[in-house]
């Protein structure tokens, strides 16, 4: 009987190895057919911009782990916000495994708020790799003091910009954020803070730790971070700022129950888009074997991508990239309508 069990286990082991080999051959066979003319990565950005510079490292790293002598071509399209490039990809991208999009999170955010320039659907993109950075709300006053007056003046660029994650988060806490709109660059925001023209600022991006340190010297302290996605709708503490609570933690502390509903779903999608420095994705309907091939290459390439000027940037391959963008993929029409209604009702903003 023992010999029979060993024989069965041996047969099952051989079948597993054979199945893995067949899957690998299928992927490489599919790749050989799809990549006859190489592969094209549409970089949705401007020449010399952040994504263009990152592509200098990304493309060679990916090529190392793709079959054969595959040529990776870079197609640079559009402006820094990525909308024009994402539109081009939606219109011309073919789901053959040889077309990928490298876009900033700002393009995804434009889609979420209903920017009329967007003609793509970010929820259908198939993530291969994502670059994410921390986001934190800095405040001059502790939350307990703010809750009495229920108002907080926050320096911000524009209603539908990256500050939206902080503005919407404060609203979910039951506060009434009063945006002090002004220039977009961090130096100008810090000047507004120093002049006491605002009590708070939302900070996000690969340079977030340096900006947090400067604001801390001006008397501000972290109130909450955007955290990182966990299982389901859970939000975990940001590993770069583990001592700072997440927004859902604060909502549960001050209201007795964790946040829920379509507006919270909208905040989760906005938070994910805001933290995305870049998203590398395939179009919908790309064959599973080719999706697997790119994701496998991304798993090996991700540890090689550590930009010297972006210490806080975390490069996530599949499946972490999938988990991070799940809230964006799950943003249904009810969630998008709720977000856009909130923008109109609370901030007086509507798509032009």
C-alpha atoms as a PDB file:
ATOM      1  CA  UNK A   1       0.000   0.000   0.000  1.00  0.00           C
ATOM      2  CA  UNK A   2       2.849   2.378   0.890  1.00  0.00           C
ATOM      3  CA  UNK A   3       4.517   1.630  -2.464  1.00  0.00           C
ATOM      4  CA  UNK A   4       1.247   2.359  -4.239  1.00  0.00           C
ATOM      5  CA  UNK A   5       0.887   5.745  -2.455  1.00  0.00           C
ATOM      6  CA  UNK A   6       4.466   6.656  -3.379  1.00  0.00           C
ATOM      7  CA  UNK A   7       3.769   5.736  -6.997  1.00  0.00           C
ATOM      8  CA  UNK A   8       0.626   7.913  -7.027  1.00  0.00           C
ATOM      9  CA  UNK A   9       2.484  10.862  -5.479  1.00  0.00           C
ATOM     10  CA  UNK A  10       5.261  10.433  -8.032  1.00  0.00           C
ATOM     11  CA  UNK A  11       2.770  10.409 -10.888  1.00  0.00           C
ATOM     12  CA  UNK A  12       1.040  13.539  -9.527  1.00  0.00           C
ATOM     13  CA  UNK A  13       4.400  15.280  -9.163  1.00  0.00           C
ATOM     14  CA  UNK A  14       5.338  14.456 -12.749  1.00  0.00           C
ATOM     15  CA  UNK A  15       1.971  15.720 -13.964  1.00  0.00           C
ATOM     16  CA  UNK A  16       2.474  19.024 -12.113  1.00  0.00           C
ATOM     17  CA  UNK A  17       5.921  19.464 -13.648  1.00  0.00           C
ATOM     18  CA  UNK A  18       4.558  18.578 -17.094  1.00  0.00           C
ATOM     19  CA  UNK A  19       1.682  21.053 -16.677  1.00  0.00           C
ATOM     20  CA  UNK A  20       4.114  23.816 -15.679  1.00  0.00           C
ATOM     21  CA  UNK A  21       6.341  23.066 -18.670  1.00  0.00           C
ATOM     22  CA  UNK A  22       3.386  23.063 -21.050  1.00  0.00           C
ATOM     23  CA  UNK A  23       2.190  26.398 -19.628  1.00  0.00           C
ATOM     24  CA  UNK A  24       5.662  27.905 -20.076  1.00  0.00           C
ATOM     25  CA  UNK A  25       5.857  26.645 -23.648  1.00  0.00           C
ATOM     26  CA  UNK A  26       2.391  28.027 -24.344  1.00  0.00           C
ATOM     27  CA  UNK A  27       3.396  31.452 -23.011  1.00  0.00           C
ATOM     28  CA  UNK A  28       6.610  31.510 -25.011  1.00  0.00           C
ATOM     29  CA  UNK A  29       4.809  30.271 -28.121  1.00  0.00           C
ATOM     30  CA  UNK A  30       2.189  32.974 -27.749  1.00  0.00           C
ATOM     31  CA  UNK A  31       4.937  35.516 -27.177  1.00  0.00           C
ATOM     32  CA  UNK A  32       6.777  34.464 -30.315  1.00  0.00           C
ATOM     33  CA  UNK A  33       3.649  35.119 -32.361  1.00  0.00           C
ATOM     34  CA  UNK A  34       2.689  38.395 -30.681  1.00  0.00           C
ATOM     35  CA  UNK A  35       6.154  39.923 -30.522  1.00  0.00           C
ATOM     36  CA  UNK A  36       7.235  39.467 -34.133  1.00  0.00           C
ATOM     37  CA  UNK A  37       7.777  43.246 -34.332  1.00  0.00           C
ATOM     38  CA  UNK A  38       8.718  43.692 -30.669  1.00  0.00           C
ATOM     39  CA  UNK A  39       6.511  45.271 -28.025  1.00  0.00           C
ATOM     40  CA  UNK A  40       5.423  48.885 -27.607  1.00  0.00           C
ATOM     41  CA  UNK A  41       5.110  50.705 -24.302  1.00  0.00           C
ATOM     42  CA  UNK A  42       3.066  53.882 -24.646  1.00  0.00           C
ATOM     43  CA  UNK A  43       4.495  56.320 -22.092  1.00  0.00           C
ATOM     44  CA  UNK A  44       1.741  58.802 -21.243  1.00  0.00           C
ATOM     45  CA  UNK A  45       3.886  61.822 -20.465  1.00  0.00           C
ATOM     46  CA  UNK A  46       6.147  64.522 -21.821  1.00  0.00           C
ATOM     47  CA  UNK A  47       9.765  64.260 -23.038  1.00  0.00           C
ATOM     48  CA  UNK A  48      12.177  64.300 -20.115  1.00  0.00           C
ATOM     49  CA  UNK A  49       9.317  64.059 -17.627  1.00  0.00           C
ATOM     50  CA  UNK A  50       9.082  61.764 -14.624  1.00  0.00           C
ATOM     51  CA  UNK A  51       7.628  58.802 -16.522  1.00  0.00           C
ATOM     52  CA  UNK A  52       9.995  59.244 -19.445  1.00  0.00           C
ATOM     53  CA  UNK A  53      12.963  59.129 -17.064  1.00  0.00           C
ATOM     54  CA  UNK A  54      11.570  56.117 -15.240  1.00  0.00           C
ATOM     55  CA  UNK A  55      11.091  54.296 -18.548  1.00  0.00           C
ATOM     56  CA  UNK A  56      14.873  54.573 -19.038  1.00  0.00           C
ATOM     57  CA  UNK A  57      15.255  52.022 -16.238  1.00  0.00           C
ATOM     58  CA  UNK A  58      11.965  50.138 -16.599  1.00  0.00           C
ATOM     59  CA  UNK A  59      12.239  48.963 -20.196  1.00  0.00           C
ATOM     60  CA  UNK A  60      15.732  47.387 -19.945  1.00  0.00           C
ATOM     61  CA  UNK A  61      14.780  45.743 -16.635  1.00  0.00           C
ATOM     62  CA  UNK A  62      11.678  44.149 -18.164  1.00  0.00           C
ATOM     63  CA  UNK A  63      13.529  43.100 -21.319  1.00  0.00           C
ATOM     64  CA  UNK A  64      15.955  41.020 -19.244  1.00  0.00           C
ATOM     65  CA  UNK A  65      13.134  38.675 -18.250  1.00  0.00           C
ATOM     66  CA  UNK A  66      11.215  38.442 -21.516  1.00  0.00           C
ATOM     67  CA  UNK A  67      11.764  35.688 -24.103  1.00  0.00           C
ATOM     68  CA  UNK A  68      14.443  35.985 -26.768  1.00  0.00           C
ATOM     69  CA  UNK A  69      15.902  39.252 -27.977  1.00  0.00           C
ATOM     70  CA  UNK A  70      12.610  41.097 -27.635  1.00  0.00           C
ATOM     71  CA  UNK A  71      12.775  44.764 -28.642  1.00  0.00           C
ATOM     72  CA  UNK A  72      10.848  47.111 -26.371  1.00  0.00           C
ATOM     73  CA  UNK A  73       9.837  50.305 -28.163  1.00  0.00           C
ATOM     74  CA  UNK A  74       8.918  53.469 -26.282  1.00  0.00           C
ATOM     75  CA  UNK A  75       6.108  55.629 -27.686  1.00  0.00           C
ATOM     76  CA  UNK A  76       5.983  58.946 -25.828  1.00  0.00           C
ATOM     77  CA  UNK A  77       2.578  60.641 -26.076  1.00  0.00           C
ATOM     78  CA  UNK A  78       1.006  63.689 -24.455  1.00  0.00           C
ATOM     79  CA  UNK A  79       1.486  65.884 -21.402  1.00  0.00           C
ATOM     80  CA  UNK A  80       2.498  65.137 -17.783  1.00  0.00           C
ATOM     81  CA  UNK A  81      -1.065  64.416 -16.583  1.00  0.00           C
ATOM     82  CA  UNK A  82      -1.183  61.382 -18.902  1.00  0.00           C
ATOM     83  CA  UNK A  83      -4.724  61.929 -20.210  1.00  0.00           C
ATOM     84  CA  UNK A  84      -3.791  62.323 -23.884  1.00  0.00           C
ATOM     85  CA  UNK A  85      -1.590  59.222 -23.784  1.00  0.00           C
ATOM     86  CA  UNK A  86      -4.246  57.135 -22.016  1.00  0.00           C
ATOM     87  CA  UNK A  87      -6.831  58.253 -24.581  1.00  0.00           C
ATOM     88  CA  UNK A  88      -4.494  57.198 -27.400  1.00  0.00           C
ATOM     89  CA  UNK A  89      -3.946  53.819 -25.755  1.00  0.00           C
ATOM     90  CA  UNK A  90      -7.686  53.239 -25.361  1.00  0.00           C
ATOM     91  CA  UNK A  91      -8.272  54.109 -29.009  1.00  0.00           C
ATOM     92  CA  UNK A  92      -5.365  52.211 -30.560  1.00  0.00           C
ATOM     93  CA  UNK A  93      -4.138  49.667 -28.023  1.00  0.00           C
ATOM     94  CA  UNK A  94      -4.607  46.113 -29.290  1.00  0.00           C
ATOM     95  CA  UNK A  95      -4.982  43.267 -26.758  1.00  0.00           C
ATOM     96  CA  UNK A  96      -2.243  41.206 -28.376  1.00  0.00           C
ATOM     97  CA  UNK A  97       0.203  41.313 -25.474  1.00  0.00           C
ATOM     98  CA  UNK A  98       2.559  43.597 -27.392  1.00  0.00           C
ATOM     99  CA  UNK A  99       0.959  46.897 -26.323  1.00  0.00           C
ATOM    100  CA  UNK A 100       1.310  48.335 -22.814  1.00  0.00           C
ATOM    101  CA  UNK A 101       0.499  51.644 -21.157  1.00  0.00           C
ATOM    102  CA  UNK A 102       2.743  53.441 -18.672  1.00  0.00           C
ATOM    103  CA  UNK A 103       0.613  56.199 -17.140  1.00  0.00           C
ATOM    104  CA  UNK A 104       0.638  58.414 -14.031  1.00  0.00           C
ATOM    105  CA  UNK A 105      -2.013  58.182 -11.341  1.00  0.00           C
ATOM    106  CA  UNK A 106      -3.123  61.693 -12.280  1.00  0.00           C
ATOM    107  CA  UNK A 107      -4.689  60.301 -15.459  1.00  0.00           C
ATOM    108  CA  UNK A 108      -6.665  57.787 -13.394  1.00  0.00           C
ATOM    109  CA  UNK A 109      -7.787  60.557 -11.044  1.00  0.00           C
ATOM    110  CA  UNK A 110      -9.004  62.598 -14.026  1.00  0.00           C
ATOM    111  CA  UNK A 111     -11.105  59.615 -15.101  1.00  0.00           C
ATOM    112  CA  UNK A 112     -12.556  59.184 -11.601  1.00  0.00           C
ATOM    113  CA  UNK A 113     -13.743  62.790 -11.306  1.00  0.00           C
ATOM    114  CA  UNK A 114     -15.202  62.842 -14.822  1.00  0.00           C
ATOM    115  CA  UNK A 115     -12.763  65.185 -16.521  1.00  0.00           C
ATOM    116  CA  UNK A 116     -14.330  65.688 -19.993  1.00  0.00           C
ATOM    117  CA  UNK A 117     -10.929  65.215 -21.636  1.00  0.00           C
ATOM    118  CA  UNK A 118     -10.848  61.537 -20.628  1.00  0.00           C
ATOM    119  CA  UNK A 119     -11.979  59.018 -23.234  1.00  0.00           C
ATOM    120  CA  UNK A 120     -10.637  55.889 -21.573  1.00  0.00           C
ATOM    121  CA  UNK A 121     -11.883  53.566 -18.841  1.00  0.00           C
ATOM    122  CA  UNK A 122      -9.237  53.112 -16.141  1.00  0.00           C
ATOM    123  CA  UNK A 123     -11.231  50.308 -14.491  1.00  0.00           C
ATOM    124  CA  UNK A 124     -10.604  47.979 -17.459  1.00  0.00           C
ATOM    125  CA  UNK A 125      -6.800  48.204 -17.443  1.00  0.00           C
ATOM    126  CA  UNK A 126      -4.962  45.000 -16.506  1.00  0.00           C
ATOM    127  CA  UNK A 127      -2.201  45.902 -13.997  1.00  0.00           C
ATOM    128  CA  UNK A 128       1.300  44.537 -14.533  1.00  0.00           C
ATOM    129  CA  UNK A 129       3.273  46.796 -12.192  1.00  0.00           C
ATOM    130  CA  UNK A 130       2.610  49.882 -10.070  1.00  0.00           C
ATOM    131  CA  UNK A 131       4.776  52.498  -8.412  1.00  0.00           C
ATOM    132  CA  UNK A 132       3.198  53.881  -5.242  1.00  0.00           C
ATOM    133  CA  UNK A 133       4.151  56.641  -2.817  1.00  0.00           C
ATOM    134  CA  UNK A 134       2.830  57.644   0.627  1.00  0.00           C
ATOM    135  CA  UNK A 135       0.103  60.210   1.214  1.00  0.00           C
ATOM    136  CA  UNK A 136      -0.403  61.988   4.555  1.00  0.00           C
ATOM    137  CA  UNK A 137      -2.566  64.800   5.907  1.00  0.00           C
ATOM    138  CA  UNK A 138      -0.481  67.235   7.970  1.00  0.00           C
ATOM    139  CA  UNK A 139      -2.251  69.515  10.466  1.00  0.00           C
ATOM    140  CA  UNK A 140      -1.310  72.307  12.839  1.00  0.00           C
ATOM    141  CA  UNK A 141      -4.080  71.244  15.237  1.00  0.00           C
ATOM    142  CA  UNK A 142      -4.846  67.824  16.796  1.00  0.00           C
ATOM    143  CA  UNK A 143      -8.046  66.226  15.563  1.00  0.00           C
ATOM    144  CA  UNK A 144      -9.668  66.560  19.003  1.00  0.00           C
ATOM    145  CA  UNK A 145      -9.364  70.363  18.816  1.00  0.00           C
ATOM    146  CA  UNK A 146     -10.609  70.524  15.227  1.00  0.00           C
ATOM    147  CA  UNK A 147     -13.683  68.421  15.987  1.00  0.00           C
ATOM    148  CA  UNK A 148     -15.033  71.167  18.263  1.00  0.00           C
ATOM    149  CA  UNK A 149     -15.083  73.795  15.525  1.00  0.00           C
ATOM    150  CA  UNK A 150     -15.471  71.225  12.714  1.00  0.00           C
ATOM    151  CA  UNK A 151     -13.428  73.421  10.371  1.00  0.00           C
ATOM    152  CA  UNK A 152      -9.915  73.119   9.018  1.00  0.00           C
ATOM    153  CA  UNK A 153      -8.270  75.415   6.474  1.00  0.00           C
ATOM    154  CA  UNK A 154      -6.233  73.257   4.112  1.00  0.00           C
ATOM    155  CA  UNK A 155      -3.800  74.469   1.478  1.00  0.00           C
ATOM    156  CA  UNK A 156      -4.735  72.888  -1.839  1.00  0.00           C
ATOM    157  CA  UNK A 157      -4.041  73.175  -5.548  1.00  0.00           C
ATOM    158  CA  UNK A 158      -7.487  72.577  -7.012  1.00  0.00           C
ATOM    159  CA  UNK A 159     -10.648  70.631  -6.058  1.00  0.00           C
ATOM    160  CA  UNK A 160     -10.105  67.733  -8.463  1.00  0.00           C
ATOM    161  CA  UNK A 161      -6.327  67.414  -7.948  1.00  0.00           C
ATOM    162  CA  UNK A 162      -4.195  65.235  -5.692  1.00  0.00           C
ATOM    163  CA  UNK A 163      -5.490  67.111  -2.613  1.00  0.00           C
ATOM    164  CA  UNK A 164      -8.901  65.510  -3.183  1.00  0.00           C
ATOM    165  CA  UNK A 165      -7.896  62.461  -1.112  1.00  0.00           C
ATOM    166  CA  UNK A 166      -7.233  64.725   1.877  1.00  0.00           C
ATOM    167  CA  UNK A 167     -10.328  66.905   1.384  1.00  0.00           C
ATOM    168  CA  UNK A 168     -12.659  63.936   1.014  1.00  0.00           C
ATOM    169  CA  UNK A 169     -10.984  62.186   3.957  1.00  0.00           C
ATOM    170  CA  UNK A 170     -11.644  65.164   6.229  1.00  0.00           C
ATOM    171  CA  UNK A 171     -15.279  65.151   5.123  1.00  0.00           C
ATOM    172  CA  UNK A 172     -15.593  61.461   6.028  1.00  0.00           C
ATOM    173  CA  UNK A 173     -14.290  62.387   9.490  1.00  0.00           C
ATOM    174  CA  UNK A 174     -17.243  64.746   9.847  1.00  0.00           C
ATOM    175  CA  UNK A 175     -15.235  67.937   9.361  1.00  0.00           C
ATOM    176  CA  UNK A 176     -15.856  70.765   6.914  1.00  0.00           C
ATOM    177  CA  UNK A 177     -12.537  71.360   5.141  1.00  0.00           C
ATOM    178  CA  UNK A 178     -12.046  74.909   3.925  1.00  0.00           C
ATOM    179  CA  UNK A 179      -9.634  74.745   0.962  1.00  0.00           C
ATOM    180  CA  UNK A 180      -7.177  77.587   0.490  1.00  0.00           C
ATOM    181  CA  UNK A 181      -6.507  77.170  -3.227  1.00  0.00           C
ATOM    182  CA  UNK A 182      -3.220  78.388  -4.621  1.00  0.00           C
ATOM    183  CA  UNK A 183      -0.123  77.371  -6.605  1.00  0.00           C
ATOM    184  CA  UNK A 184       0.630  73.682  -6.977  1.00  0.00           C
ATOM    185  CA  UNK A 185       4.295  73.473  -6.045  1.00  0.00           C
ATOM    186  CA  UNK A 186       5.268  72.317  -2.564  1.00  0.00           C
ATOM    187  CA  UNK A 187       7.302  75.462  -1.803  1.00  0.00           C
ATOM    188  CA  UNK A 188       4.227  77.646  -2.339  1.00  0.00           C
ATOM    189  CA  UNK A 189       2.092  75.380  -0.140  1.00  0.00           C
ATOM    190  CA  UNK A 190       4.666  75.565   2.634  1.00  0.00           C
ATOM    191  CA  UNK A 191       4.753  79.361   2.300  1.00  0.00           C
ATOM    192  CA  UNK A 192       0.970  79.472   2.815  1.00  0.00           C
ATOM    193  CA  UNK A 193       1.382  77.328   5.916  1.00  0.00           C
ATOM    194  CA  UNK A 194       4.198  79.469   7.304  1.00  0.00           C
ATOM    195  CA  UNK A 195       2.121  82.612   6.761  1.00  0.00           C
ATOM    196  CA  UNK A 196      -0.715  80.962   8.739  1.00  0.00           C
ATOM    197  CA  UNK A 197      -2.916  81.163   5.684  1.00  0.00           C
ATOM    198  CA  UNK A 198      -3.850  77.520   6.258  1.00  0.00           C
ATOM    199  CA  UNK A 199      -3.847  75.002   9.085  1.00  0.00           C
ATOM    200  CA  UNK A 200      -3.188  71.845   7.105  1.00  0.00           C
ATOM    201  CA  UNK A 201      -1.748  70.417   3.903  1.00  0.00           C
ATOM    202  CA  UNK A 202      -2.016  67.118   2.115  1.00  0.00           C
ATOM    203  CA  UNK A 203       1.337  65.654   1.075  1.00  0.00           C
ATOM    204  CA  UNK A 204       1.784  62.834  -1.437  1.00  0.00           C
ATOM    205  CA  UNK A 205       4.520  61.561  -3.726  1.00  0.00           C
ATOM    206  CA  UNK A 206       7.977  60.012  -3.715  1.00  0.00           C
ATOM    207  CA  UNK A 207       9.315  63.125  -1.922  1.00  0.00           C
ATOM    208  CA  UNK A 208       6.646  62.966   0.803  1.00  0.00           C
ATOM    209  CA  UNK A 209       9.061  62.167   3.687  1.00  0.00           C
ATOM    210  CA  UNK A 210      11.156  65.272   2.962  1.00  0.00           C
ATOM    211  CA  UNK A 211       8.070  67.503   2.702  1.00  0.00           C
ATOM    212  CA  UNK A 212       6.604  66.031   5.900  1.00  0.00           C
ATOM    213  CA  UNK A 213       9.856  66.834   7.689  1.00  0.00           C
ATOM    214  CA  UNK A 214       9.763  70.463   6.485  1.00  0.00           C
ATOM    215  CA  UNK A 215       6.124  70.901   7.555  1.00  0.00           C
ATOM    216  CA  UNK A 216       6.909  69.311  10.919  1.00  0.00           C
ATOM    217  CA  UNK A 217       9.527  72.005  11.481  1.00  0.00           C
ATOM    218  CA  UNK A 218       6.756  74.544  10.751  1.00  0.00           C
ATOM    219  CA  UNK A 219       4.660  73.086  13.579  1.00  0.00           C
ATOM    220  CA  UNK A 220       2.458  70.566  11.736  1.00  0.00           C
ATOM    221  CA  UNK A 221       2.031  66.902  12.653  1.00  0.00           C
ATOM    222  CA  UNK A 222       0.610  63.916  10.721  1.00  0.00           C
ATOM    223  CA  UNK A 223      -3.108  63.386  11.258  1.00  0.00           C
ATOM    224  CA  UNK A 224      -3.675  60.358   9.028  1.00  0.00           C
ATOM    225  CA  UNK A 225      -2.141  58.547   6.063  1.00  0.00           C
ATOM    226  CA  UNK A 226      -3.890  57.043   3.062  1.00  0.00           C
ATOM    227  CA  UNK A 227      -2.408  53.714   4.143  1.00  0.00           C
ATOM    228  CA  UNK A 228      -2.106  50.758   1.807  1.00  0.00           C
ATOM    229  CA  UNK A 229      -4.883  48.395   0.658  1.00  0.00           C
ATOM    230  CA  UNK A 230      -5.365  45.158   2.575  1.00  0.00           C
ATOM    231  CA  UNK A 231      -7.839  42.353   1.956  1.00  0.00           C
ATOM    232  CA  UNK A 232     -11.226  43.442   0.693  1.00  0.00           C
ATOM    233  CA  UNK A 233     -11.877  47.026   1.743  1.00  0.00           C
ATOM    234  CA  UNK A 234      -9.357  46.994   4.599  1.00  0.00           C
ATOM    235  CA  UNK A 235      -6.750  49.747   4.719  1.00  0.00           C
ATOM    236  CA  UNK A 236      -3.481  48.980   6.498  1.00  0.00           C
ATOM    237  CA  UNK A 237      -0.982  51.450   7.935  1.00  0.00           C
ATOM    238  CA  UNK A 238       1.640  52.756   5.544  1.00  0.00           C
ATOM    239  CA  UNK A 239       4.893  50.819   6.163  1.00  0.00           C
ATOM    240  CA  UNK A 240       6.842  54.076   5.742  1.00  0.00           C
ATOM    241  CA  UNK A 241       4.797  55.771   8.497  1.00  0.00           C
ATOM    242  CA  UNK A 242       3.610  52.912  10.737  1.00  0.00           C
ATOM    243  CA  UNK A 243       3.083  55.189  13.751  1.00  0.00           C
ATOM    244  CA  UNK A 244       0.423  57.296  11.966  1.00  0.00           C
ATOM    245  CA  UNK A 245      -3.181  56.014  11.878  1.00  0.00           C
ATOM    246  CA  UNK A 246      -5.093  55.566   8.652  1.00  0.00           C
ATOM    247  CA  UNK A 247      -8.255  57.497   7.836  1.00  0.00           C
ATOM    248  CA  UNK A 248     -10.550  54.476   8.479  1.00  0.00           C
ATOM    249  CA  UNK A 249      -8.955  54.083  11.928  1.00  0.00           C
ATOM    250  CA  UNK A 250      -9.772  57.687  12.824  1.00  0.00           C
ATOM    251  CA  UNK A 251     -13.324  57.432  11.488  1.00  0.00           C
ATOM    252  CA  UNK A 252     -13.915  54.322  13.610  1.00  0.00           C
ATOM    253  CA  UNK A 253     -12.394  56.040  16.672  1.00  0.00           C
ATOM    254  CA  UNK A 254     -14.518  59.191  16.421  1.00  0.00           C
ATOM    255  CA  UNK A 255     -17.768  57.749  15.066  1.00  0.00           C
ATOM    256  CA  UNK A 256     -17.790  54.305  16.654  1.00  0.00           C
ATOM    257  CA  UNK A 257     -18.026  52.402  13.374  1.00  0.00           C
ATOM    258  CA  UNK A 258     -15.664  52.055  10.420  1.00  0.00           C
ATOM    259  CA  UNK A 259     -16.509  53.974   7.236  1.00  0.00           C
ATOM    260  CA  UNK A 260     -18.733  52.315   4.647  1.00  0.00           C
ATOM    261  CA  UNK A 261     -20.889  53.174   1.653  1.00  0.00           C
ATOM    262  CA  UNK A 262     -20.337  54.553  -1.824  1.00  0.00           C
ATOM    263  CA  UNK A 263     -18.586  57.750  -0.676  1.00  0.00           C
ATOM    264  CA  UNK A 264     -16.040  55.657   1.226  1.00  0.00           C
ATOM    265  CA  UNK A 265     -15.599  53.485  -1.889  1.00  0.00           C
ATOM    266  CA  UNK A 266     -14.966  56.701  -3.819  1.00  0.00           C
ATOM    267  CA  UNK A 267     -12.340  57.765  -1.262  1.00  0.00           C
ATOM    268  CA  UNK A 268     -10.584  54.388  -1.583  1.00  0.00           C
ATOM    269  CA  UNK A 269     -10.417  54.751  -5.370  1.00  0.00           C
ATOM    270  CA  UNK A 270      -9.212  58.363  -5.106  1.00  0.00           C
ATOM    271  CA  UNK A 271      -6.610  57.376  -2.491  1.00  0.00           C
ATOM    272  CA  UNK A 272      -5.238  54.624  -4.737  1.00  0.00           C
ATOM    273  CA  UNK A 273      -5.076  56.897  -7.799  1.00  0.00           C
ATOM    274  CA  UNK A 274      -3.446  59.680  -5.767  1.00  0.00           C
ATOM    275  CA  UNK A 275      -0.681  57.385  -4.537  1.00  0.00           C
ATOM    276  CA  UNK A 276       0.048  55.964  -7.990  1.00  0.00           C
ATOM    277  CA  UNK A 277       3.263  57.448  -9.318  1.00  0.00           C
ATOM    278  CA  UNK A 278       2.881  55.159 -12.308  1.00  0.00           C
ATOM    279  CA  UNK A 279       0.819  52.232 -13.544  1.00  0.00           C
ATOM    280  CA  UNK A 280       2.080  49.757 -16.138  1.00  0.00           C
ATOM    281  CA  UNK A 281      -0.898  47.957 -17.636  1.00  0.00           C
ATOM    282  CA  UNK A 282      -2.177  45.881 -20.526  1.00  0.00           C
ATOM    283  CA  UNK A 283      -5.491  46.493 -22.292  1.00  0.00           C
ATOM    284  CA  UNK A 284      -8.593  44.513 -21.424  1.00  0.00           C
ATOM    285  CA  UNK A 285      -9.016  41.148 -23.187  1.00  0.00           C
ATOM    286  CA  UNK A 286      -5.265  40.491 -23.441  1.00  0.00           C
ATOM    287  CA  UNK A 287      -4.867  36.663 -23.526  1.00  0.00           C
ATOM    288  CA  UNK A 288      -4.166  35.191 -20.096  1.00  0.00           C
ATOM    289  CA  UNK A 289      -0.914  33.526 -21.229  1.00  0.00           C
ATOM    290  CA  UNK A 290       0.506  36.881 -22.317  1.00  0.00           C
ATOM    291  CA  UNK A 291      -0.707  38.663 -19.179  1.00  0.00           C
ATOM    292  CA  UNK A 292       1.104  35.974 -17.198  1.00  0.00           C
ATOM    293  CA  UNK A 293       4.281  36.439 -19.223  1.00  0.00           C
ATOM    294  CA  UNK A 294       4.416  40.200 -18.535  1.00  0.00           C
ATOM    295  CA  UNK A 295       3.565  39.783 -14.875  1.00  0.00           C
ATOM    296  CA  UNK A 296       6.280  37.180 -14.446  1.00  0.00           C
ATOM    297  CA  UNK A 297       8.808  39.562 -15.991  1.00  0.00           C
ATOM    298  CA  UNK A 298       7.572  42.358 -13.691  1.00  0.00           C
ATOM    299  CA  UNK A 299       8.076  40.193 -10.596  1.00  0.00           C
ATOM    300  CA  UNK A 300      11.763  39.780 -11.498  1.00  0.00           C
ATOM    301  CA  UNK A 301      12.268  43.352 -12.721  1.00  0.00           C
ATOM    302  CA  UNK A 302      10.673  45.184  -9.774  1.00  0.00           C
ATOM    303  CA  UNK A 303      13.596  44.703  -7.323  1.00  0.00           C
ATOM    304  CA  UNK A 304      15.941  46.306  -9.885  1.00  0.00           C
ATOM    305  CA  UNK A 305      13.929  49.553 -10.011  1.00  0.00           C
ATOM    306  CA  UNK A 306      15.064  51.814  -7.178  1.00  0.00           C
ATOM    307  CA  UNK A 307      15.313  55.398  -8.488  1.00  0.00           C
ATOM    308  CA  UNK A 308      17.947  57.305  -6.520  1.00  0.00           C
ATOM    309  CA  UNK A 309      15.768  60.433  -6.246  1.00  0.00           C
ATOM    310  CA  UNK A 310      12.611  58.560  -5.163  1.00  0.00           C
ATOM    311  CA  UNK A 311      13.457  56.786  -1.921  1.00  0.00           C
ATOM    312  CA  UNK A 312       9.793  56.601  -0.886  1.00  0.00           C
ATOM    313  CA  UNK A 313       8.648  55.016  -4.157  1.00  0.00           C
ATOM    314  CA  UNK A 314       7.624  51.375  -3.793  1.00  0.00           C
ATOM    315  CA  UNK A 315       7.553  49.344  -7.012  1.00  0.00           C
ATOM    316  CA  UNK A 316       4.863  46.675  -6.811  1.00  0.00           C
ATOM    317  CA  UNK A 317       4.608  43.790  -9.289  1.00  0.00           C
ATOM    318  CA  UNK A 318       1.630  41.464  -9.549  1.00  0.00           C
ATOM    319  CA  UNK A 319      -0.208  40.511  -7.316  1.00  0.00           C
ATOM    320  CA  UNK A 320       0.522  43.533  -5.073  1.00  0.00           C
ATOM    321  CA  UNK A 321      -0.188  45.904  -7.974  1.00  0.00           C
ATOM    322  CA  UNK A 322      -3.571  44.238  -8.442  1.00  0.00           C
ATOM    323  CA  UNK A 323      -4.401  44.631  -4.766  1.00  0.00           C
ATOM    324  CA  UNK A 324      -3.403  48.280  -4.790  1.00  0.00           C
ATOM    325  CA  UNK A 325      -5.561  49.133  -7.815  1.00  0.00           C
ATOM    326  CA  UNK A 326      -8.551  46.978  -6.808  1.00  0.00           C
ATOM    327  CA  UNK A 327     -10.554  49.989  -5.608  1.00  0.00           C
ATOM    328  CA  UNK A 328     -10.073  51.666  -9.000  1.00  0.00           C
ATOM    329  CA  UNK A 329     -11.114  48.528 -10.888  1.00  0.00           C
ATOM    330  CA  UNK A 330     -14.151  48.251  -8.618  1.00  0.00           C
ATOM    331  CA  UNK A 331     -15.302  51.856  -9.057  1.00  0.00           C
ATOM    332  CA  UNK A 332     -18.784  51.334 -10.504  1.00  0.00           C
ATOM    333  CA  UNK A 333     -21.092  54.021 -11.846  1.00  0.00           C
ATOM    334  CA  UNK A 334     -22.752  54.560  -8.447  1.00  0.00           C
ATOM    335  CA  UNK A 335     -19.355  55.274  -6.888  1.00  0.00           C
ATOM    336  CA  UNK A 336     -18.336  57.663  -9.675  1.00  0.00           C
ATOM    337  CA  UNK A 337     -21.653  59.525  -9.494  1.00  0.00           C
ATOM    338  CA  UNK A 338     -21.343  59.864  -5.711  1.00  0.00           C
ATOM    339  CA  UNK A 339     -17.835  61.274  -6.009  1.00  0.00           C
ATOM    340  CA  UNK A 340     -18.820  63.789  -8.678  1.00  0.00           C
ATOM    341  CA  UNK A 341     -21.916  64.832  -6.718  1.00  0.00           C
ATOM    342  CA  UNK A 342     -19.724  65.424  -3.643  1.00  0.00           C
ATOM    343  CA  UNK A 343     -17.325  67.562  -5.681  1.00  0.00           C
ATOM    344  CA  UNK A 344     -20.207  69.702  -6.899  1.00  0.00           C
ATOM    345  CA  UNK A 345     -22.026  69.973  -3.571  1.00  0.00           C
ATOM    346  CA  UNK A 346     -19.041  70.512  -1.251  1.00  0.00           C
ATOM    347  CA  UNK A 347     -16.457  72.216  -3.441  1.00  0.00           C
ATOM    348  CA  UNK A 348     -18.581  73.708  -6.204  1.00  0.00           C
ATOM    349  CA  UNK A 349     -16.615  71.863  -8.873  1.00  0.00           C
ATOM    350  CA  UNK A 350     -18.118  70.335 -11.996  1.00  0.00           C
ATOM    351  CA  UNK A 351     -16.493  69.062 -15.181  1.00  0.00           C
ATOM    352  CA  UNK A 352     -16.098  71.897 -17.680  1.00  0.00           C
END
